[in-house]
C-alpha atoms as a PDB file:
ATOM      1  CA  UNK A   1      55.120  29.701   2.305  1.00  0.00           C
ATOM      2  CA  UNK A   2      52.288  27.479   1.423  1.00  0.00           C
ATOM      3  CA  UNK A   3      52.973  25.657   4.724  1.00  0.00           C
ATOM      4  CA  UNK A   4      50.504  23.082   4.676  1.00  0.00           C
ATOM      5  CA  UNK A   5      50.559  22.314   1.128  1.00  0.00           C
ATOM      6  CA  UNK A   6      54.463  22.395   0.675  1.00  0.00           C
ATOM      7  CA  UNK A   7      54.748  20.547   3.857  1.00  0.00           C
ATOM      8  CA  UNK A   8      52.519  17.873   3.066  1.00  0.00           C
ATOM      9  CA  UNK A   9      53.919  17.328  -0.454  1.00  0.00           C
ATOM     10  CA  UNK A  10      57.481  17.056   1.345  1.00  0.00           C
ATOM     11  CA  UNK A  11      56.241  14.775   4.046  1.00  0.00           C
ATOM     12  CA  UNK A  12      54.579  12.579   1.318  1.00  0.00           C
ATOM     13  CA  UNK A  13      57.747  12.398  -0.757  1.00  0.00           C
ATOM     14  CA  UNK A  14      60.022  11.512   2.193  1.00  0.00           C
ATOM     15  CA  UNK A  15      57.641   8.807   3.544  1.00  0.00           C
ATOM     16  CA  UNK A  16      57.495   7.272  -0.059  1.00  0.00           C
ATOM     17  CA  UNK A  17      61.447   7.494  -0.311  1.00  0.00           C
ATOM     18  CA  UNK A  18      61.306  10.047  -3.087  1.00  0.00           C
ATOM     19  CA  UNK A  19      64.076  11.880  -1.063  1.00  0.00           C
ATOM     20  CA  UNK A  20      65.546  14.240  -4.004  1.00  0.00           C
ATOM     21  CA  UNK A  21      61.870  15.343  -4.690  1.00  0.00           C
ATOM     22  CA  UNK A  22      61.301  16.182  -1.065  1.00  0.00           C
ATOM     23  CA  UNK A  23      64.622  18.325  -1.276  1.00  0.00           C
ATOM     24  CA  UNK A  24      63.183  20.143  -4.427  1.00  0.00           C
ATOM     25  CA  UNK A  25      59.727  20.630  -2.941  1.00  0.00           C
ATOM     26  CA  UNK A  26      61.150  22.883  -0.033  1.00  0.00           C
ATOM     27  CA  UNK A  27      63.777  24.562  -2.185  1.00  0.00           C
ATOM     28  CA  UNK A  28      61.478  26.979  -3.711  1.00  0.00           C
ATOM     29  CA  UNK A  29      59.900  28.382  -0.480  1.00  0.00           C
ATOM     30  CA  UNK A  30      63.497  28.299   1.197  1.00  0.00           C
ATOM     31  CA  UNK A  31      64.635  30.464  -1.851  1.00  0.00           C
ATOM     32  CA  UNK A  32      61.823  33.035  -0.873  1.00  0.00           C
ATOM     33  CA  UNK A  33      62.475  33.064   2.679  1.00  0.00           C
ATOM     34  CA  UNK A  34      66.053  31.894   3.077  1.00  0.00           C
ATOM     35  CA  UNK A  35      64.748  30.592   6.654  1.00  0.00           C
ATOM     36  CA  UNK A  36      67.745  28.656   8.056  1.00  0.00           C
ATOM     37  CA  UNK A  37      65.274  26.239   9.546  1.00  0.00           C
ATOM     38  CA  UNK A  38      63.600  25.361   6.344  1.00  0.00           C
ATOM     39  CA  UNK A  39      66.934  24.610   4.897  1.00  0.00           C
ATOM     40  CA  UNK A  40      67.779  22.040   7.830  1.00  0.00           C
ATOM     41  CA  UNK A  41      64.763  20.415   6.622  1.00  0.00           C
ATOM     42  CA  UNK A  42      65.958  20.394   3.042  1.00  0.00           C
ATOM     43  CA  UNK A  43      69.334  19.023   4.366  1.00  0.00           C
ATOM     44  CA  UNK A  44      67.504  16.072   6.054  1.00  0.00           C
ATOM     45  CA  UNK A  45      66.260  15.223   2.622  1.00  0.00           C
ATOM     46  CA  UNK A  46      69.450  15.381   0.839  1.00  0.00           C
ATOM     47  CA  UNK A  47      71.236  13.310   3.520  1.00  0.00           C
ATOM     48  CA  UNK A  48      68.797  10.578   2.435  1.00  0.00           C
ATOM     49  CA  UNK A  49      69.564  11.294  -1.032  1.00  0.00           C
ATOM     50  CA  UNK A  50      73.204  10.587  -0.444  1.00  0.00           C
ATOM     51  CA  UNK A  51      72.172   7.350   1.493  1.00  0.00           C
ATOM     52  CA  UNK A  52      70.084   6.177  -1.313  1.00  0.00           C
ATOM     53  CA  UNK A  53      72.986   6.760  -3.759  1.00  0.00           C
ATOM     54  CA  UNK A  54      75.257   4.620  -1.658  1.00  0.00           C
ATOM     55  CA  UNK A  55      76.973   7.627  -0.505  1.00  0.00           C
ATOM     56  CA  UNK A  56      76.925   7.106   3.355  1.00  0.00           C
ATOM     57  CA  UNK A  57      79.912   9.640   3.973  1.00  0.00           C
ATOM     58  CA  UNK A  58      77.977  12.465   2.352  1.00  0.00           C
ATOM     59  CA  UNK A  59      74.803  11.273   4.329  1.00  0.00           C
ATOM     60  CA  UNK A  60      76.633  11.360   7.619  1.00  0.00           C
ATOM     61  CA  UNK A  61      78.435  14.702   6.800  1.00  0.00           C
ATOM     62  CA  UNK A  62      74.944  16.215   6.197  1.00  0.00           C
ATOM     63  CA  UNK A  63      73.492  14.974   9.389  1.00  0.00           C
ATOM     64  CA  UNK A  64      76.596  15.671  11.368  1.00  0.00           C
ATOM     65  CA  UNK A  65      76.100  19.343   9.960  1.00  0.00           C
ATOM     66  CA  UNK A  66      72.749  19.507  11.045  1.00  0.00           C
ATOM     67  CA  UNK A  67      73.539  18.408  14.700  1.00  0.00           C
ATOM     68  CA  UNK A  68      76.584  21.002  14.805  1.00  0.00           C
ATOM     69  CA  UNK A  69      74.524  23.829  13.543  1.00  0.00           C
ATOM     70  CA  UNK A  70      73.680  26.383  16.185  1.00  0.00           C
ATOM     71  CA  UNK A  71      70.048  26.929  14.909  1.00  0.00           C
ATOM     72  CA  UNK A  72      69.462  23.244  15.277  1.00  0.00           C
ATOM     73  CA  UNK A  73      70.282  23.167  19.100  1.00  0.00           C
ATOM     74  CA  UNK A  74      66.381  23.017  19.846  1.00  0.00           C
ATOM     75  CA  UNK A  75      65.790  20.674  16.949  1.00  0.00           C
ATOM     76  CA  UNK A  76      63.192  18.273  18.673  1.00  0.00           C
ATOM     77  CA  UNK A  77      64.495  15.302  16.445  1.00  0.00           C
ATOM     78  CA  UNK A  78      68.224  15.413  17.508  1.00  0.00           C
ATOM     79  CA  UNK A  79      67.998  11.841  19.025  1.00  0.00           C
ATOM     80  CA  UNK A  80      66.430  10.717  15.623  1.00  0.00           C
ATOM     81  CA  UNK A  81      69.479  12.249  13.450  1.00  0.00           C
ATOM     82  CA  UNK A  82      71.851  10.727  16.057  1.00  0.00           C
ATOM     83  CA  UNK A  83      70.146   7.170  15.429  1.00  0.00           C
ATOM     84  CA  UNK A  84      70.376   7.657  11.509  1.00  0.00           C
ATOM     85  CA  UNK A  85      74.047   8.368  11.767  1.00  0.00           C
ATOM     86  CA  UNK A  86      74.445   5.120  13.650  1.00  0.00           C
ATOM     87  CA  UNK A  87      72.131   3.365  11.125  1.00  0.00           C
ATOM     88  CA  UNK A  88      74.291   4.711   8.324  1.00  0.00           C
ATOM     89  CA  UNK A  89      77.664   3.649  10.205  1.00  0.00           C
ATOM     90  CA  UNK A  90      76.482   0.311  10.705  1.00  0.00           C
ATOM     91  CA  UNK A  91      75.355   0.057   6.995  1.00  0.00           C
ATOM     92  CA  UNK A  92      71.602  -0.328   7.728  1.00  0.00           C
ATOM     93  CA  UNK A  93      68.703   1.647   6.646  1.00  0.00           C
ATOM     94  CA  UNK A  94      68.130   4.975   8.500  1.00  0.00           C
ATOM     95  CA  UNK A  95      64.277   4.928   7.699  1.00  0.00           C
ATOM     96  CA  UNK A  96      62.438   8.089   7.309  1.00  0.00           C
ATOM     97  CA  UNK A  97      61.062  10.078   9.978  1.00  0.00           C
ATOM     98  CA  UNK A  98      57.843   8.880  11.781  1.00  0.00           C
ATOM     99  CA  UNK A  99      54.690  10.709  11.420  1.00  0.00           C
ATOM    100  CA  UNK A 100      55.267  12.145  14.998  1.00  0.00           C
ATOM    101  CA  UNK A 101      58.852  12.984  14.091  1.00  0.00           C
ATOM    102  CA  UNK A 102      57.488  14.770  10.894  1.00  0.00           C
ATOM    103  CA  UNK A 103      54.939  16.675  13.142  1.00  0.00           C
ATOM    104  CA  UNK A 104      57.580  17.941  15.319  1.00  0.00           C
ATOM    105  CA  UNK A 105      60.045  18.724  12.601  1.00  0.00           C
ATOM    106  CA  UNK A 106      57.202  20.997  10.901  1.00  0.00           C
ATOM    107  CA  UNK A 107      56.383  22.750  14.068  1.00  0.00           C
ATOM    108  CA  UNK A 108      59.823  23.596  14.700  1.00  0.00           C
ATOM    109  CA  UNK A 109      60.900  24.752  11.229  1.00  0.00           C
ATOM    110  CA  UNK A 110      57.914  26.982  10.824  1.00  0.00           C
ATOM    111  CA  UNK A 111      57.754  28.354  14.323  1.00  0.00           C
ATOM    112  CA  UNK A 112      60.189  31.183  13.153  1.00  0.00           C
ATOM    113  CA  UNK A 113      58.124  32.216  10.431  1.00  0.00           C
END
């Protein structure tokens, strides 16, 4: 996977609120690698797609799936995802990850490759 290029595109799309595009950016490298951590990064984007489409239940289900996934036990942004769930439950904007959260997610997602 072209880690830096794909990741930079994913991060930019997420920061700009283009969540479906972010999902698609990582889909191709995930299909090649089938790396589950990369799939979790895709699920994050997909959860935001649900939220923007006013489907809070879908967003919460995906965020919860991530938290319950055995591979995500050491996910460094677990608290962020918990905060997103609370925000969606309250009808608030869960907001995209911060630059620091993206950095930790990238390191975690690609450390297994």
